[in-house]
């Protein structure tokens, strides 16, 4: 019996394959198998914005650079939309009041339509000729 080790078809022991798979995973990706929380994504984006390298951070967090870039773009877009919020003024109060009035009138019209249908018994009234 010899003490020689037989090389596995997957390559060196402990080395990664060219496809990025870790040895012994049987075709499963070595990428993270969990979802990142919003807090962790925010922390990662803040690190990017402070100047940390995209590549280094993506390796550390085991996410693609494209994912990190997407998170950064979404973060910045959300910040921009938050700055667009304006304070309420008297016009807003008037708009709210008028919308409530429209709702009340719509409901009254629907109730009147239902009452007319009930009175007509499902048969519309006869059309009349004008007397001129």
Protein backbone atom coordinates (compact mmCIF):
# COMPACT_ATOMS: atom_id res chain seq x y z
CA UNK A 1 0.00 0.00 0.00
CA UNK A 2 1.32 3.41 -0.92
CA UNK A 3 0.87 6.69 0.92
CA UNK A 4 0.31 8.61 -2.34
CA UNK A 5 -2.82 10.73 -2.53
CA UNK A 6 -4.91 10.51 -5.66
CA UNK A 7 -5.79 13.93 -7.11
CA UNK A 8 -9.49 14.60 -7.24
CA UNK A 9 -11.00 15.57 -10.59
CA UNK A 10 -12.05 18.93 -9.08
CA UNK A 11 -8.49 20.20 -8.75
CA UNK A 12 -6.37 21.01 -5.71
CA UNK A 13 -7.73 20.42 -2.28
CA UNK A 14 -9.30 23.59 -0.88
CA UNK A 15 -8.99 25.53 -4.14
CA UNK A 16 -11.96 27.15 -5.86
CA UNK A 17 -13.10 26.03 -9.25
CA UNK A 18 -13.07 28.37 -12.24
CA UNK A 19 -16.85 28.68 -11.95
CA UNK A 20 -16.51 30.20 -8.48
CA UNK A 21 -17.78 27.09 -6.71
CA UNK A 22 -16.09 25.96 -3.54
CA UNK A 23 -14.88 22.36 -3.60
CA UNK A 24 -17.19 19.79 -2.11
CA UNK A 25 -20.40 21.75 -2.55
CA UNK A 26 -21.64 19.58 -5.37
CA UNK A 27 -22.48 22.40 -7.77
CA UNK A 28 -23.96 24.72 -5.18
CA UNK A 29 -22.85 28.33 -5.31
CA UNK A 30 -20.57 29.53 -2.55
CA UNK A 31 -22.40 32.89 -2.46
CA UNK A 32 -24.35 33.76 0.62
CA UNK A 33 -27.61 31.91 1.02
CA UNK A 34 -29.32 34.58 3.14
CA UNK A 35 -31.04 37.89 2.56
CA UNK A 36 -29.39 41.10 3.62
CA UNK A 37 -31.41 43.21 6.04
CA UNK A 38 -32.17 46.82 5.24
CA UNK A 39 -29.84 47.90 8.04
CA UNK A 40 -26.91 45.90 6.66
CA UNK A 41 -27.57 47.25 3.16
CA UNK A 42 -27.65 50.79 4.55
CA UNK A 43 -24.37 50.24 6.39
CA UNK A 44 -22.77 48.88 3.22
CA UNK A 45 -23.97 51.85 1.17
CA UNK A 46 -22.71 54.31 3.77
CA UNK A 47 -19.30 52.62 3.65
CA UNK A 48 -19.34 53.01 -0.14
CA UNK A 49 -20.27 56.66 0.14
CA UNK A 50 -17.44 57.24 2.62
CA UNK A 51 -15.02 56.08 -0.09
CA UNK A 52 -14.48 52.40 0.58
CA UNK A 53 -13.65 50.36 -2.51
CA UNK A 54 -16.60 48.72 -4.25
CA UNK A 55 -14.59 45.58 -5.04
CA UNK A 56 -13.25 45.13 -1.50
CA UNK A 57 -16.67 45.65 0.02
CA UNK A 58 -18.37 43.27 -2.41
CA UNK A 59 -15.85 40.53 -1.58
CA UNK A 60 -16.22 41.14 2.14
CA UNK A 61 -20.02 41.01 2.05
CA UNK A 62 -20.11 38.26 -0.61
CA UNK A 63 -22.44 40.21 -2.89
CA UNK A 64 -21.86 41.28 -6.45
CA UNK A 65 -20.62 44.75 -7.27
CA UNK A 66 -23.79 45.21 -9.33
CA UNK A 67 -25.95 44.53 -6.26
CA UNK A 68 -23.98 47.04 -4.21
CA UNK A 69 -24.25 49.63 -6.97
CA UNK A 70 -28.01 49.03 -7.15
CA UNK A 71 -28.34 49.51 -3.42
CA UNK A 72 -26.35 52.76 -3.64
CA UNK A 73 -28.51 54.09 -6.49
CA UNK A 74 -31.74 53.19 -4.64
CA UNK A 75 -30.39 54.80 -1.46
CA UNK A 76 -29.52 58.01 -3.26
CA UNK A 77 -32.85 58.09 -5.11
CA UNK A 78 -34.71 57.65 -1.82
CA UNK A 79 -32.75 60.50 -0.29
CA UNK A 80 -33.51 62.75 -3.24
CA UNK A 81 -37.23 62.04 -3.03
CA UNK A 82 -37.22 62.77 0.70
CA UNK A 83 -35.84 66.22 -0.03
CA UNK A 84 -38.70 66.93 -2.43
CA UNK A 85 -41.33 66.78 0.32
CA UNK A 86 -42.90 70.16 0.88
CA UNK A 87 -44.69 71.49 3.90
CA UNK A 88 -48.46 71.52 3.92
CA UNK A 89 -50.14 74.84 3.39
CA UNK A 90 -53.68 76.23 3.17
CA UNK A 91 -54.16 74.87 -0.36
CA UNK A 92 -53.61 71.32 0.90
CA UNK A 93 -56.32 71.75 3.51
CA UNK A 94 -58.69 73.04 0.83
CA UNK A 95 -57.87 70.09 -1.43
CA UNK A 96 -58.60 67.65 1.40
CA UNK A 97 -61.92 69.40 2.12
CA UNK A 98 -62.95 69.35 -1.54
CA UNK A 99 -62.03 65.69 -1.96
CA UNK A 100 -64.22 64.84 1.02
CA UNK A 101 -67.06 66.85 -0.55
CA UNK A 102 -66.65 64.98 -3.85
CA UNK A 103 -66.81 61.70 -1.93
CA UNK A 104 -70.03 62.75 -0.20
CA UNK A 105 -71.65 63.86 -3.47
CA UNK A 106 -70.61 60.67 -5.24
CA UNK A 107 -72.13 58.56 -2.49
CA UNK A 108 -75.37 60.57 -2.59
CA UNK A 109 -75.59 60.12 -6.36
CA UNK A 110 -75.06 56.38 -6.08
CA UNK A 111 -77.79 56.15 -3.41
CA UNK A 112 -80.20 58.17 -5.59
CA UNK A 113 -79.44 55.94 -8.59
CA UNK A 114 -80.21 52.87 -6.51
CA UNK A 115 -83.45 54.44 -5.24
CA UNK A 116 -84.54 55.32 -8.81
CA UNK A 117 -83.83 51.78 -9.99
CA UNK A 118 -85.90 50.39 -7.13
CA UNK A 119 -88.85 52.74 -7.87
CA UNK A 120 -88.82 51.97 -11.58
CA UNK A 121 -88.86 48.26 -10.86
CA UNK A 122 -86.06 47.65 -13.30
CA UNK A 123 -88.06 49.11 -16.17
CA UNK A 124 -87.05 52.60 -17.30
CA UNK A 125 -89.70 55.29 -17.54
CA UNK A 126 -91.45 55.78 -20.85
CA UNK A 127 -90.03 58.51 -23.04
CA UNK A 128 -92.46 61.36 -23.56
CA UNK A 129 -92.92 63.51 -26.61
CA UNK A 130 -92.65 67.20 -26.23
CA UNK A 131 -95.94 69.15 -26.55
CA UNK A 132 -94.72 71.66 -29.05
